[in-house]
Each structure stands twice: as structure tokens, then as C-alpha cells.
Amino acid sequence: MPNPKFRWSKSRTRKARTHYKAEAPTFASCSNCGSTVLYHRVCPECGYYKGRLAIEKSAKA
């Protein structure tokens, strides 16, 4: 495995990190209940994912 021949300076390392851009997560609407959900996640409101029940949610009393 090749190793770096020379160490990067602190300023060069920090300059390389400046091109990173943080992005806000993309949201979708749940196909079952319509609430806002992160992509590829189970809906926290109803427990459905891709039209199927993934987590059994208890009824609030």
C-alpha cells in the first residue's frame, strides 16, 4: 500500500477542506399517511416503509 512521501501542512489541509459543502437532507412524503419522512427511512408516524408495515406502532391513549 503506498504511503504519502511528504506530510501536508496545516494550511494545505485546511484549504483542501474548504471545498466541502454541507447539504440539507432531502425529504419525501409518506405514501401511507402523508407525513414528511427522510428518504430510505421508516415513517416515524405510522411505521410504514415502501408501502409495507415495518414497525408496529402502538395507539396513543
Protein backbone atom coordinates (compact mmCIF):
# COMPACT_ATOMS: atom_id res chain seq x y z
CA MET A 1 0.00 0.00 0.00
CA PRO A 2 1.60 3.32 -0.96
CA ASN A 3 2.18 5.89 1.74
CA PRO A 4 2.47 9.64 1.31
CA LYS A 5 6.05 10.74 0.75
CA PHE A 6 5.57 14.17 2.32
CA ARG A 7 3.26 15.42 5.05
CA TRP A 8 0.65 18.04 4.16
CA SER A 9 0.94 21.30 6.09
CA LYS A 10 -1.92 22.50 8.29
CA SER A 11 -2.77 25.31 5.90
CA ARG A 12 -2.83 22.98 2.90
CA THR A 13 -5.06 20.54 4.77
CA ARG A 14 -7.46 23.33 5.74
CA LYS A 15 -7.54 24.64 2.17
CA ALA A 16 -8.49 21.19 0.92
CA ARG A 17 -11.38 21.05 3.40
CA THR A 18 -12.87 24.35 2.25
CA HIS A 19 -14.48 22.76 -0.81
CA TYR A 20 -16.77 20.61 1.32
CA LYS A 21 -20.39 21.80 1.18
CA ALA A 22 -22.90 20.54 3.73
CA GLU A 23 -26.30 19.83 2.20
CA ALA A 24 -29.65 19.72 3.91
CA PRO A 25 -31.28 16.25 3.88
CA THR A 26 -33.93 15.62 1.25
CA PHE A 27 -37.42 14.88 2.49
CA ALA A 28 -40.23 12.89 0.92
CA SER A 29 -43.86 12.36 1.89
CA CYS A 30 -45.02 9.06 3.35
CA SER A 31 -47.09 7.04 0.89
CA ASN A 32 -49.32 5.77 3.71
CA CYS A 33 -50.02 8.78 5.96
CA GLY A 34 -48.51 11.70 4.00
CA SER A 35 -46.19 12.98 6.75
CA THR A 36 -42.67 14.21 5.99
CA VAL A 37 -40.03 11.45 6.05
CA LEU A 38 -36.31 11.21 5.26
CA TYR A 39 -35.56 9.09 2.18
CA HIS A 40 -34.90 5.37 2.82
CA ARG A 41 -36.24 5.55 6.37
CA VAL A 42 -39.28 4.10 8.12
CA CYS A 43 -42.03 6.65 8.71
CA PRO A 44 -41.93 7.71 12.38
CA GLU A 45 -45.67 8.45 12.41
CA CYS A 46 -47.18 5.23 11.03
CA GLY A 47 -44.23 2.78 10.82
CA TYR A 48 -44.56 2.08 7.08
CA TYR A 49 -41.72 1.75 4.56
CA LYS A 50 -42.27 1.28 0.82
CA GLY A 51 -45.96 0.59 1.36
CA ARG A 52 -45.37 -2.20 3.90
CA LEU A 53 -45.64 -2.18 7.67
CA ALA A 54 -42.09 -2.22 9.05
CA ILE A 55 -42.63 -1.23 12.70
CA GLU A 56 -45.75 -1.88 14.73
CA LYS A 57 -46.79 1.44 16.25
CA SER A 58 -48.94 1.39 19.38
CA ALA A 59 -52.09 3.57 19.54
CA LYS A 60 -51.73 6.67 21.71
CA ALA A 61 -54.22 6.75 24.57
